[in-house]
C-alpha atoms as a PDB file:
ATOM      1  CA  MET A   1     213.816 -29.209  52.908  1.00  0.00           C
ATOM      2  CA  LEU A   2     213.234 -25.759  54.371  1.00  0.00           C
ATOM      3  CA  PHE A   3     214.806 -24.245  51.266  1.00  0.00           C
ATOM      4  CA  PHE A   4     212.259 -25.952  48.997  1.00  0.00           C
ATOM      5  CA  VAL A   5     209.383 -24.871  51.252  1.00  0.00           C
ATOM      6  CA  VAL A   6     210.549 -21.252  51.111  1.00  0.00           C
ATOM      7  CA  LEU A   7     211.113 -21.466  47.373  1.00  0.00           C
ATOM      8  CA  THR A   8     207.630 -22.867  46.875  1.00  0.00           C
ATOM      9  CA  ALA A   9     206.089 -20.100  49.018  1.00  0.00           C
ATOM     10  CA  VAL A  10     207.973 -17.393  47.130  1.00  0.00           C
ATOM     11  CA  GLY A  11     206.914 -18.903  43.826  1.00  0.00           C
ATOM     12  CA  ALA A  12     203.295 -19.055  44.913  1.00  0.00           C
ATOM     13  CA  ALA A  13     203.377 -15.440  46.098  1.00  0.00           C
ATOM     14  CA  ALA A  14     204.951 -14.330  42.829  1.00  0.00           C
ATOM     15  CA  TRP A  15     202.282 -16.201  40.872  1.00  0.00           C
ATOM     16  CA  LEU A  16     199.496 -14.565  42.904  1.00  0.00           C
ATOM     17  CA  VAL A  17     200.947 -11.107  42.332  1.00  0.00           C
ATOM     18  CA  LEU A  18     202.513 -11.267  38.871  1.00  0.00           C
ATOM     19  CA  ALA A  19     200.440 -13.718  36.825  1.00  0.00           C
ATOM     20  CA  PRO A  20     197.681 -11.938  34.825  1.00  0.00           C
ATOM     21  CA  PHE A  21     194.195 -12.406  36.195  1.00  0.00           C
ATOM     22  CA  GLY A  22     190.865 -10.684  35.816  1.00  0.00           C
ATOM     23  CA  PRO A  23     187.765 -10.320  33.663  1.00  0.00           C
ATOM     24  CA  ASN A  24     187.561 -10.513  29.893  1.00  0.00           C
ATOM     25  CA  GLN A  25     184.622  -8.113  29.795  1.00  0.00           C
ATOM     26  CA  GLU A  26     184.040  -4.618  31.163  1.00  0.00           C
ATOM     27  CA  THR A  27     183.815  -4.695  34.958  1.00  0.00           C
ATOM     28  CA  PHE A  28     183.493  -1.722  37.316  1.00  0.00           C
ATOM     29  CA  VAL A  29     184.588  -1.626  40.939  1.00  0.00           C
ATOM     30  CA  GLU A  30     183.723   1.363  43.121  1.00  0.00           C
ATOM     31  CA  LEU A  31     185.969   1.925  46.127  1.00  0.00           C
ATOM     32  CA  ALA A  32     184.331   4.121  48.751  1.00  0.00           C
ATOM     33  CA  PRO A  33     186.311   6.869  50.506  1.00  0.00           C
ATOM     34  CA  GLY A  34     187.859   5.665  53.750  1.00  0.00           C
ATOM     35  CA  SER A  35     187.892   1.993  52.727  1.00  0.00           C
ATOM     36  CA  SER A  36     190.570  -0.080  54.483  1.00  0.00           C
ATOM     37  CA  THR A  37     193.112  -2.068  52.501  1.00  0.00           C
ATOM     38  CA  ALA A  38     191.406  -5.264  53.638  1.00  0.00           C
ATOM     39  CA  ARG A  39     188.054  -3.976  52.397  1.00  0.00           C
ATOM     40  CA  ILE A  40     189.542  -2.942  49.040  1.00  0.00           C
ATOM     41  CA  GLY A  41     191.208  -6.324  48.620  1.00  0.00           C
ATOM     42  CA  GLN A  42     187.937  -8.076  49.431  1.00  0.00           C
ATOM     43  CA  GLU A  43     185.992  -6.043  46.868  1.00  0.00           C
ATOM     44  CA  LEU A  44     188.613  -6.655  44.192  1.00  0.00           C
ATOM     45  CA  GLU A  45     188.592 -10.390  44.872  1.00  0.00           C
ATOM     46  CA  SER A  46     184.778 -10.540  44.891  1.00  0.00           C
ATOM     47  CA  ALA A  47     184.666  -8.733  41.536  1.00  0.00           C
ATOM     48  CA  GLY A  48     187.199 -11.154  40.060  1.00  0.00           C
ATOM     49  CA  ILE A  49     189.892  -8.500  39.590  1.00  0.00           C
ATOM     50  CA  VAL A  50     192.594 -10.170  41.757  1.00  0.00           C
ATOM     51  CA  ARG A  51     193.106 -13.807  42.728  1.00  0.00           C
ATOM     52  CA  SER A  52     193.687 -13.199  46.417  1.00  0.00           C
ATOM     53  CA  ARG A  53     192.762 -10.399  48.758  1.00  0.00           C
ATOM     54  CA  PHE A  54     195.587 -11.513  51.048  1.00  0.00           C
ATOM     55  CA  ALA A  55     198.173 -11.149  48.306  1.00  0.00           C
ATOM     56  CA  PHE A  56     196.830  -7.659  47.590  1.00  0.00           C
ATOM     57  CA  ASP A  57     197.039  -6.800  51.319  1.00  0.00           C
ATOM     58  CA  GLY A  58     200.635  -8.015  51.370  1.00  0.00           C
ATOM     59  CA  MET A  59     201.535  -5.876  48.358  1.00  0.00           C
ATOM     60  CA  ARG A  60     199.995  -2.837  50.027  1.00  0.00           C
ATOM     61  CA  TRP A  61     202.059  -3.524  53.186  1.00  0.00           C
ATOM     62  CA  TRP A  62     205.235  -3.905  51.108  1.00  0.00           C
ATOM     63  CA  LYS A  63     204.739  -0.804  48.922  1.00  0.00           C
ATOM     64  CA  ARG A  64     203.200   1.352  51.674  1.00  0.00           C
ATOM     65  CA  GLY A  65     201.385   3.529  49.138  1.00  0.00           C
ATOM     66  CA  THR A  66     198.085   5.373  49.456  1.00  0.00           C
ATOM     67  CA  LEU A  67     195.104   3.868  47.689  1.00  0.00           C
ATOM     68  CA  LYS A  68     192.589   6.312  46.203  1.00  0.00           C
ATOM     69  CA  ALA A  69     188.817   6.014  46.245  1.00  0.00           C
ATOM     70  CA  GLY A  70     186.743   6.128  43.087  1.00  0.00           C
ATOM     71  CA  GLU A  71     185.314   3.932  40.359  1.00  0.00           C
ATOM     72  CA  TYR A  72     187.751   1.770  38.398  1.00  0.00           C
ATOM     73  CA  ARG A  73     187.215  -0.035  35.113  1.00  0.00           C
ATOM     74  CA  PHE A  74     188.819  -3.371  34.221  1.00  0.00           C
ATOM     75  CA  ASP A  75     188.287  -5.199  30.939  1.00  0.00           C
ATOM     76  CA  HIS A  76     191.171  -7.672  30.578  1.00  0.00           C
ATOM     77  CA  PRO A  77     193.425  -9.793  32.809  1.00  0.00           C
ATOM     78  CA  VAL A  78     196.415  -7.984  34.338  1.00  0.00           C
ATOM     79  CA  ALA A  79     198.904  -8.623  37.121  1.00  0.00           C
ATOM     80  CA  ALA A  80     197.864  -7.631  40.642  1.00  0.00           C
ATOM     81  CA  THR A  81     200.813  -5.224  40.630  1.00  0.00           C
ATOM     82  CA  GLU A  82     199.155  -3.277  37.813  1.00  0.00           C
ATOM     83  CA  VAL A  83     195.811  -3.255  39.644  1.00  0.00           C
ATOM     84  CA  TYR A  84     197.577  -1.867  42.699  1.00  0.00           C
ATOM     85  CA  ALA A  85     199.460   0.748  40.647  1.00  0.00           C
ATOM     86  CA  ARG A  86     196.255   1.986  39.009  1.00  0.00           C
ATOM     87  CA  ILE A  87     194.480   2.429  42.340  1.00  0.00           C
ATOM     88  CA  ALA A  88     197.553   4.096  43.887  1.00  0.00           C
ATOM     89  CA  ARG A  89     197.641   6.554  40.934  1.00  0.00           C
ATOM     90  CA  GLY A  90     193.928   7.217  41.226  1.00  0.00           C
ATOM     91  CA  ASP A  91     193.374   6.137  37.628  1.00  0.00           C
ATOM     92  CA  VAL A  92     189.608   6.309  38.071  1.00  0.00           C
ATOM     93  CA  PHE A  93     187.183   5.802  35.212  1.00  0.00           C
ATOM     94  CA  THR A  94     185.558   8.958  33.837  1.00  0.00           C
ATOM     95  CA  ARG A  95     183.508   9.974  30.837  1.00  0.00           C
ATOM     96  CA  THR A  96     184.811  12.911  28.811  1.00  0.00           C
ATOM     97  CA  VAL A  97     182.523  15.556  27.365  1.00  0.00           C
ATOM     98  CA  THR A  98     183.434  18.783  25.562  1.00  0.00           C
ATOM     99  CA  ILE A  99     181.105  21.763  25.882  1.00  0.00           C
ATOM    100  CA  PRO A 100     181.763  24.281  23.073  1.00  0.00           C
ATOM    101  CA  GLU A 101     181.584  28.029  23.507  1.00  0.00           C
ATOM    102  CA  GLY A 102     178.073  29.286  22.906  1.00  0.00           C
ATOM    103  CA  ALA A 103     176.342  26.053  23.913  1.00  0.00           C
ATOM    104  CA  SER A 104     173.011  26.564  25.668  1.00  0.00           C
ATOM    105  CA  ILE A 105     171.645  24.419  28.472  1.00  0.00           C
ATOM    106  CA  PHE A 106     169.699  22.525  25.795  1.00  0.00           C
ATOM    107  CA  ASP A 107     172.898  21.820  23.848  1.00  0.00           C
ATOM    108  CA  ILE A 108     174.780  20.797  27.001  1.00  0.00           C
ATOM    109  CA  ALA A 109     171.987  18.457  28.099  1.00  0.00           C
ATOM    110  CA  ALA A 110     172.075  16.709  24.717  1.00  0.00           C
ATOM    111  CA  ARG A 111     175.866  16.325  24.797  1.00  0.00           C
ATOM    112  CA  LEU A 112     175.803  14.892  28.313  1.00  0.00           C
ATOM    113  CA  GLU A 113     173.196  12.347  27.307  1.00  0.00           C
ATOM    114  CA  GLN A 114     175.275  11.364  24.261  1.00  0.00           C
ATOM    115  CA  ALA A 115     178.294  10.907  26.551  1.00  0.00           C
ATOM    116  CA  GLY A 116     176.342   8.519  28.765  1.00  0.00           C
ATOM    117  CA  LEU A 117     176.059  10.979  31.640  1.00  0.00           C
ATOM    118  CA  GLY A 118     172.365  10.739  32.440  1.00  0.00           C
ATOM    119  CA  VAL A 119     169.332  11.804  30.484  1.00  0.00           C
ATOM    120  CA  ARG A 120     168.776  15.168  28.844  1.00  0.00           C
ATOM    121  CA  GLN A 121     165.810  16.195  30.979  1.00  0.00           C
ATOM    122  CA  GLY A 122     167.658  15.442  34.206  1.00  0.00           C
ATOM    123  CA  PHE A 123     170.296  18.041  33.434  1.00  0.00           C
ATOM    124  CA  LEU A 124     167.745  20.587  32.217  1.00  0.00           C
ATOM    125  CA  ASP A 125     165.888  20.212  35.516  1.00  0.00           C
ATOM    126  CA  ALA A 126     169.117  20.729  37.481  1.00  0.00           C
ATOM    127  CA  ALA A 127     170.065  23.785  35.394  1.00  0.00           C
ATOM    128  CA  MET A 128     166.670  25.333  36.077  1.00  0.00           C
ATOM    129  CA  LYS A 129     166.452  24.479  39.774  1.00  0.00           C
ATOM    130  CA  GLN A 130     170.027  24.934  41.028  1.00  0.00           C
ATOM    131  CA  VAL A 131     170.058  28.747  40.707  1.00  0.00           C
ATOM    132  CA  LYS A 132     171.343  28.979  44.297  1.00  0.00           C
ATOM    133  CA  LEU A 133     174.742  28.037  42.857  1.00  0.00           C
ATOM    134  CA  VAL A 134     174.982  31.490  41.268  1.00  0.00           C
ATOM    135  CA  ALA A 135     172.759  33.516  43.609  1.00  0.00           C
ATOM    136  CA  ASP A 136     175.711  35.476  44.977  1.00  0.00           C
ATOM    137  CA  MET A 137     176.855  36.447  41.477  1.00  0.00           C
ATOM    138  CA  ASP A 138     173.461  36.955  39.867  1.00  0.00           C
ATOM    139  CA  PRO A 139     170.534  37.169  42.315  1.00  0.00           C
ATOM    140  CA  GLY A 140     168.111  37.516  39.409  1.00  0.00           C
ATOM    141  CA  ALA A 141     169.280  34.416  37.523  1.00  0.00           C
ATOM    142  CA  ARG A 142     166.411  32.335  36.143  1.00  0.00           C
ATOM    143  CA  SER A 143     168.643  29.310  35.567  1.00  0.00           C
ATOM    144  CA  LEU A 144     172.326  28.412  35.340  1.00  0.00           C
ATOM    145  CA  GLU A 145     172.374  29.535  31.698  1.00  0.00           C
ATOM    146  CA  GLY A 146     175.493  31.624  31.100  1.00  0.00           C
ATOM    147  CA  TYR A 147     177.364  30.244  34.112  1.00  0.00           C
ATOM    148  CA  LEU A 148     178.105  26.725  32.818  1.00  0.00           C
ATOM    149  CA  PHE A 149     181.564  27.408  31.473  1.00  0.00           C
ATOM    150  CA  PRO A 150     182.419  25.781  28.126  1.00  0.00           C
ATOM    151  CA  ASP A 151     185.365  23.417  28.510  1.00  0.00           C
ATOM    152  CA  THR A 152     186.362  19.743  28.348  1.00  0.00           C
ATOM    153  CA  TYR A 153     185.245  17.898  31.470  1.00  0.00           C
ATOM    154  CA  HIS A 154     185.905  14.450  32.907  1.00  0.00           C
ATOM    155  CA  PHE A 155     183.019  13.171  35.024  1.00  0.00           C
ATOM    156  CA  ALA A 156     182.536   9.991  37.002  1.00  0.00           C
ATOM    157  CA  ARG A 157     180.110   7.600  35.324  1.00  0.00           C
ATOM    158  CA  LYS A 158     177.579   8.052  38.127  1.00  0.00           C
ATOM    159  CA  ALA A 159     177.949  11.823  38.530  1.00  0.00           C
ATOM    160  CA  SER A 160     174.556  13.416  39.163  1.00  0.00           C
ATOM    161  CA  PRO A 161     173.215  16.321  37.075  1.00  0.00           C
ATOM    162  CA  ALA A 162     173.631  18.572  40.128  1.00  0.00           C
ATOM    163  CA  GLN A 163     177.282  17.558  40.514  1.00  0.00           C
ATOM    164  CA  ILE A 164     177.959  18.147  36.820  1.00  0.00           C
ATOM    165  CA  ALA A 165     176.327  21.569  36.904  1.00  0.00           C
ATOM    166  CA  ALA A 166     178.249  22.527  40.040  1.00  0.00           C
ATOM    167  CA  ALA A 167     181.561  21.608  38.381  1.00  0.00           C
ATOM    168  CA  MET A 168     180.766  23.841  35.391  1.00  0.00           C
ATOM    169  CA  VAL A 169     179.794  26.737  37.652  1.00  0.00           C
ATOM    170  CA  ARG A 170     183.062  26.334  39.600  1.00  0.00           C
ATOM    171  CA  ARG A 171     184.955  26.601  36.328  1.00  0.00           C
ATOM    172  CA  PHE A 172     183.036  29.762  35.457  1.00  0.00           C
ATOM    173  CA  ARG A 173     183.952  31.281  38.815  1.00  0.00           C
ATOM    174  CA  ALA A 174     187.620  30.529  38.220  1.00  0.00           C
ATOM    175  CA  VAL A 175     187.615  32.156  34.765  1.00  0.00           C
ATOM    176  CA  ALA A 176     185.584  35.151  35.963  1.00  0.00           C
ATOM    177  CA  GLY A 177     188.171  35.660  38.713  1.00  0.00           C
ATOM    178  CA  GLN A 178     191.002  35.556  36.175  1.00  0.00           C
ATOM    179  CA  LEU A 179     189.212  38.149  34.024  1.00  0.00           C
ATOM    180  CA  GLY A 180     188.432  40.386  36.986  1.00  0.00           C
ATOM    181  CA  LEU A 181     184.700  40.053  36.359  1.00  0.00           C
ATOM    182  CA  LYS A 182     183.049  41.059  39.628  1.00  0.00           C
ATOM    183  CA  GLU A 183     180.445  43.720  38.855  1.00  0.00           C
ATOM    184  CA  ASN A 184     177.334  43.866  36.656  1.00  0.00           C
ATOM    185  CA  MET A 185     177.592  40.097  36.301  1.00  0.00           C
ATOM    186  CA  HIS A 186     174.069  39.614  34.947  1.00  0.00           C
ATOM    187  CA  ALA A 187     174.414  42.259  32.228  1.00  0.00           C
ATOM    188  CA  VAL A 188     177.966  41.282  31.254  1.00  0.00           C
ATOM    189  CA  VAL A 189     177.205  37.560  30.956  1.00  0.00           C
ATOM    190  CA  THR A 190     173.974  38.239  29.065  1.00  0.00           C
ATOM    191  CA  MET A 191     175.811  40.523  26.632  1.00  0.00           C
ATOM    192  CA  ALA A 192     178.658  37.995  26.290  1.00  0.00           C
ATOM    193  CA  SER A 193     176.194  35.232  25.437  1.00  0.00           C
ATOM    194  CA  LEU A 194     174.808  37.326  22.563  1.00  0.00           C
ATOM    195  CA  VAL A 195     178.313  38.136  21.316  1.00  0.00           C
ATOM    196  CA  GLU A 196     179.240  34.448  21.482  1.00  0.00           C
ATOM    197  CA  ARG A 197     176.270  33.392  19.383  1.00  0.00           C
ATOM    198  CA  GLU A 198     176.697  36.180  16.821  1.00  0.00           C
ATOM    199  CA  THR A 199     180.362  35.701  15.861  1.00  0.00           C
ATOM    200  CA  ALA A 200     183.155  33.178  16.246  1.00  0.00           C
ATOM    201  CA  VAL A 201     185.749  35.648  14.884  1.00  0.00           C
ATOM    202  CA  ASP A 202     187.856  36.825  17.815  1.00  0.00           C
ATOM    203  CA  ALA A 203     188.650  40.255  16.354  1.00  0.00           C
ATOM    204  CA  GLU A 204     184.942  40.957  15.870  1.00  0.00           C
ATOM    205  CA  ARG A 205     183.749  40.188  19.375  1.00  0.00           C
ATOM    206  CA  PRO A 206     184.469  43.666  20.841  1.00  0.00           C
ATOM    207  CA  LEU A 207     182.892  45.268  17.738  1.00  0.00           C
ATOM    208  CA  VAL A 208     179.708  43.235  18.104  1.00  0.00           C
ATOM    209  CA  ALA A 209     179.572  44.148  21.799  1.00  0.00           C
ATOM    210  CA  GLY A 210     180.104  47.789  20.797  1.00  0.00           C
ATOM    211  CA  VAL A 211     177.159  47.656  18.365  1.00  0.00           C
ATOM    212  CA  PHE A 212     174.905  46.242  21.064  1.00  0.00           C
ATOM    213  CA  GLN A 213     176.025  48.891  23.562  1.00  0.00           C
ATOM    214  CA  ASN A 214     175.345  51.649  21.042  1.00  0.00           C
ATOM    215  CA  ARG A 215     171.866  50.323  20.312  1.00  0.00           C
ATOM    216  CA  LEU A 216     171.119  50.038  24.036  1.00  0.00           C
ATOM    217  CA  ALA A 217     172.251  53.628  24.560  1.00  0.00           C
ATOM    218  CA  LYS A 218     169.893  54.804  21.805  1.00  0.00           C
ATOM    219  CA  LYS A 219     167.069  52.571  23.115  1.00  0.00           C
ATOM    220  CA  MET A 220     167.004  50.723  19.818  1.00  0.00           C
ATOM    221  CA  PRO A 221     165.909  47.067  19.865  1.00  0.00           C
ATOM    222  CA  LEU A 222     168.899  44.717  19.617  1.00  0.00           C
ATOM    223  CA  MET A 223     167.165  42.614  16.952  1.00  0.00           C
ATOM    224  CA  THR A 224     169.414  39.605  17.558  1.00  0.00           C
ATOM    225  CA  ASP A 225     168.158  36.231  16.328  1.00  0.00           C
ATOM    226  CA  PRO A 226     169.926  34.071  18.984  1.00  0.00           C
ATOM    227  CA  ALA A 227     167.790  35.668  21.693  1.00  0.00           C
ATOM    228  CA  VAL A 228     164.604  35.040  19.712  1.00  0.00           C
ATOM    229  CA  ILE A 229     165.624  31.421  19.185  1.00  0.00           C
ATOM    230  CA  TYR A 230     166.304  30.974  22.887  1.00  0.00           C
ATOM    231  CA  GLY A 231     162.836  32.232  23.769  1.00  0.00           C
ATOM    232  CA  LEU A 232     161.368  29.726  21.318  1.00  0.00           C
ATOM    233  CA  GLU A 233     163.466  26.907  22.818  1.00  0.00           C
ATOM    234  CA  LEU A 234     162.162  27.701  26.289  1.00  0.00           C
ATOM    235  CA  GLU A 235     158.627  27.328  24.979  1.00  0.00           C
ATOM    236  CA  GLY A 236     159.429  24.205  22.931  1.00  0.00           C
ATOM    237  CA  ARG A 237     158.576  26.087  19.727  1.00  0.00           C
ATOM    238  CA  TRP A 238     161.999  26.102  18.023  1.00  0.00           C
ATOM    239  CA  ARG A 239     161.774  24.422  14.602  1.00  0.00           C
ATOM    240  CA  GLY A 240     165.457  24.386  13.676  1.00  0.00           C
ATOM    241  CA  ALA A 241     165.227  27.476  11.476  1.00  0.00           C
ATOM    242  CA  ILE A 242     163.937  30.972  12.183  1.00  0.00           C
ATOM    243  CA  TYR A 243     160.817  32.123  10.329  1.00  0.00           C
ATOM    244  CA  GLN A 244     159.200  35.538   9.949  1.00  0.00           C
ATOM    245  CA  SER A 245     156.402  34.388  12.235  1.00  0.00           C
ATOM    246  CA  ASP A 246     158.991  33.673  14.933  1.00  0.00           C
ATOM    247  CA  LEU A 247     160.164  37.280  14.831  1.00  0.00           C
ATOM    248  CA  SER A 248     156.646  38.449  15.632  1.00  0.00           C
ATOM    249  CA  HIS A 249     155.987  35.815  18.308  1.00  0.00           C
ATOM    250  CA  ASP A 250     156.066  37.601  21.661  1.00  0.00           C
ATOM    251  CA  THR A 251     158.436  36.160  24.246  1.00  0.00           C
ATOM    252  CA  ALA A 252     160.496  38.035  26.820  1.00  0.00           C
ATOM    253  CA  TYR A 253     163.555  37.121  24.714  1.00  0.00           C
ATOM    254  CA  ASN A 254     162.254  38.585  21.458  1.00  0.00           C
ATOM    255  CA  THR A 255     164.681  41.467  20.958  1.00  0.00           C
ATOM    256  CA  TYR A 256     162.776  42.616  17.875  1.00  0.00           C
ATOM    257  CA  LEU A 257     159.719  43.405  19.980  1.00  0.00           C
ATOM    258  CA  HIS A 258     161.408  44.473  23.245  1.00  0.00           C
ATOM    259  CA  THR A 259     164.217  46.951  23.803  1.00  0.00           C
ATOM    260  CA  GLY A 260     167.073  46.368  26.214  1.00  0.00           C
ATOM    261  CA  LEU A 261     168.917  43.160  26.969  1.00  0.00           C
ATOM    262  CA  PRO A 262     166.953  39.913  27.120  1.00  0.00           C
ATOM    263  CA  PRO A 263     166.007  38.722  30.629  1.00  0.00           C
ATOM    264  CA  GLY A 264     169.186  36.654  30.927  1.00  0.00           C
ATOM    265  CA  PRO A 265     171.945  34.849  29.022  1.00  0.00           C
ATOM    266  CA  VAL A 266     170.939  32.835  25.968  1.00  0.00           C
ATOM    267  CA  ALA A 267     174.051  30.626  25.951  1.00  0.00           C
ATOM    268  CA  ASN A 268     177.247  29.969  27.851  1.00  0.00           C
ATOM    269  CA  PRO A 269     180.027  32.281  26.660  1.00  0.00           C
ATOM    270  CA  GLY A 270     183.762  31.637  26.682  1.00  0.00           C
ATOM    271  CA  ALA A 271     186.462  33.890  28.084  1.00  0.00           C
ATOM    272  CA  ARG A 272     186.944  35.899  24.868  1.00  0.00           C
ATOM    273  CA  SER A 273     183.283  36.891  24.651  1.00  0.00           C
ATOM    274  CA  LEU A 274     183.206  37.704  28.360  1.00  0.00           C
ATOM    275  CA  ARG A 275     186.207  39.984  27.842  1.00  0.00           C
ATOM    276  CA  ALA A 276     184.510  41.637  24.854  1.00  0.00           C
ATOM    277  CA  ALA A 277     181.370  42.301  26.892  1.00  0.00           C
ATOM    278  CA  MET A 278     183.505  43.803  29.661  1.00  0.00           C
ATOM    279  CA  GLU A 279     185.461  45.950  27.193  1.00  0.00           C
ATOM    280  CA  PRO A 280     183.301  46.648  24.101  1.00  0.00           C
ATOM    281  CA  ALA A 281     184.910  48.529  21.231  1.00  0.00           C
ATOM    282  CA  LYS A 282     184.381  52.275  21.051  1.00  0.00           C
ATOM    283  CA  THR A 283     182.648  52.595  17.714  1.00  0.00           C
ATOM    284  CA  ASP A 284     179.747  54.349  16.015  1.00  0.00           C
ATOM    285  CA  TYR A 285     178.476  51.182  14.329  1.00  0.00           C
ATOM    286  CA  LEU A 286     174.794  50.460  14.867  1.00  0.00           C
ATOM    287  CA  TYR A 287     174.263  47.475  12.556  1.00  0.00           C
ATOM    288  CA  PHE A 288     175.989  44.306  11.436  1.00  0.00           C
ATOM    289  CA  VAL A 289     175.408  41.219   9.340  1.00  0.00           C
ATOM    290  CA  ALA A 290     176.648  38.331  11.480  1.00  0.00           C
ATOM    291  CA  ALA A 291     179.752  36.391  10.397  1.00  0.00           C
ATOM    292  CA  GLY A 292     177.968  33.078  10.822  1.00  0.00           C
ATOM    293  CA  ALA A 293     175.467  34.051   8.132  1.00  0.00           C
ATOM    294  CA  ASN A 294     178.059  35.372   5.684  1.00  0.00           C
ATOM    295  CA  PRO A 295     179.733  32.992   3.203  1.00  0.00           C
ATOM    296  CA  GLN A 296     182.808  35.243   3.357  1.00  0.00           C
ATOM    297  CA  GLY A 297     183.203  34.330   7.031  1.00  0.00           C
ATOM    298  CA  ARG A 298     183.224  37.848   8.447  1.00  0.00           C
ATOM    299  CA  SER A 299     180.661  40.262   9.831  1.00  0.00           C
ATOM    300  CA  LEU A 300     179.695  43.379   7.926  1.00  0.00           C
ATOM    301  CA  PHE A 301     179.353  46.470  10.118  1.00  0.00           C
ATOM    302  CA  ALA A 302     177.470  49.660   9.280  1.00  0.00           C
ATOM    303  CA  ARG A 303     176.852  53.091  10.800  1.00  0.00           C
ATOM    304  CA  THR A 304     173.615  53.862   8.965  1.00  0.00           C
ATOM    305  CA  LEU A 305     170.579  51.892   7.889  1.00  0.00           C
ATOM    306  CA  ASP A 306     171.298  52.626   4.214  1.00  0.00           C
ATOM    307  CA  GLU A 307     174.794  51.214   4.581  1.00  0.00           C
ATOM    308  CA  HIS A 308     173.405  48.205   6.419  1.00  0.00           C
ATOM    309  CA  ASP A 309     170.838  47.594   3.665  1.00  0.00           C
ATOM    310  CA  ARG A 310     173.656  47.552   1.120  1.00  0.00           C
ATOM    311  CA  ASN A 311     175.521  45.031   3.276  1.00  0.00           C
ATOM    312  CA  VAL A 312     172.421  42.847   3.470  1.00  0.00           C
ATOM    313  CA  THR A 313     172.020  43.006  -0.323  1.00  0.00           C
ATOM    314  CA  GLY A 314     175.670  42.090  -0.766  1.00  0.00           C
ATOM    315  CA  TYR A 315     175.294  39.231   1.701  1.00  0.00           C
ATOM    316  CA  ARG A 316     172.281  37.841  -0.139  1.00  0.00           C
ATOM    317  CA  HIS A 317     174.161  38.033  -3.416  1.00  0.00           C
ATOM    318  CA  ALA A 318     177.096  36.152  -1.852  1.00  0.00           C
ATOM    319  CA  VAL A 319     174.758  33.470  -0.520  1.00  0.00           C
ATOM    320  CA  LYS A 320     173.160  33.046  -3.951  1.00  0.00           C
ATOM    321  CA  LYS A 321     176.587  32.881  -5.616  1.00  0.00           C
ATOM    322  CA  ALA A 322     177.866  30.357  -3.099  1.00  0.00           C
ATOM    323  CA  GLY A 323     174.776  28.196  -3.613  1.00  0.00           C
ATOM    324  CA  SER A 324     175.216  28.103  -7.385  1.00  0.00           C
ATOM    325  CA  ARG A 325     178.736  26.652  -7.246  1.00  0.00           C
END
């Protein structure tokens, strides 16, 4: 008789632990840091993830693992052993978002919203207000622009804009440390942001930085469209294409009207552009037609205005030829 009682108990325990159970639709369970096993089991049972909190407690006692806090997603029935394994691994639910090199705070905000990580304006507000995150690196920073390192991130579903921004700044700090970037942070990052927006060709980045350095040394205006566009974006005037009237519209970022670097970064540069800004090429070039505007996919560099004018003419001819195909 005792044998059958024990056998029945073992069978019941196995059924509680091994038989699939759970929701057939997306269900989230958030386990707070410091939660006891009993509390975790109770929350899982209440959410319909496991049949019995007591069976889950028993499995935790038997396996003696460490359960990790976080938000977990369940969308189909599974055995309690799998639920336990996921929480022991820390297989928390996150949303993935990729920030490309050269993305501005406006671009990042849009991507975060598309990824389901809050609304666009919430991130823009955080990027403008959380300048204390970079105050030690750039006391004159007007926003976090330039310091939100482009990378692929995995954020909790409920991550706040401030938490997201802080994670991106931490990544920037790590990369800056690897590059040895410690001095002239404001100028280097601002220069790198211009380089990033002007060319995606790795070999050209130091050359573009060299052109900008040469123009700065001669007190020539940089005349770089990405800076003009950024100034228009800040004012809500960007129309998706740059017009002649935009080049004459006076903002602090209009590098046709003002000499020197713009007031701050106009995008968030990657490591290669940061390196180029730290180590610009030694060259006597003063002009270039940007690679992004050239159907041939490369920038055209020039030492004199006459040479540059010929490059511009050649570029326009290439554009016309490409358009007629």
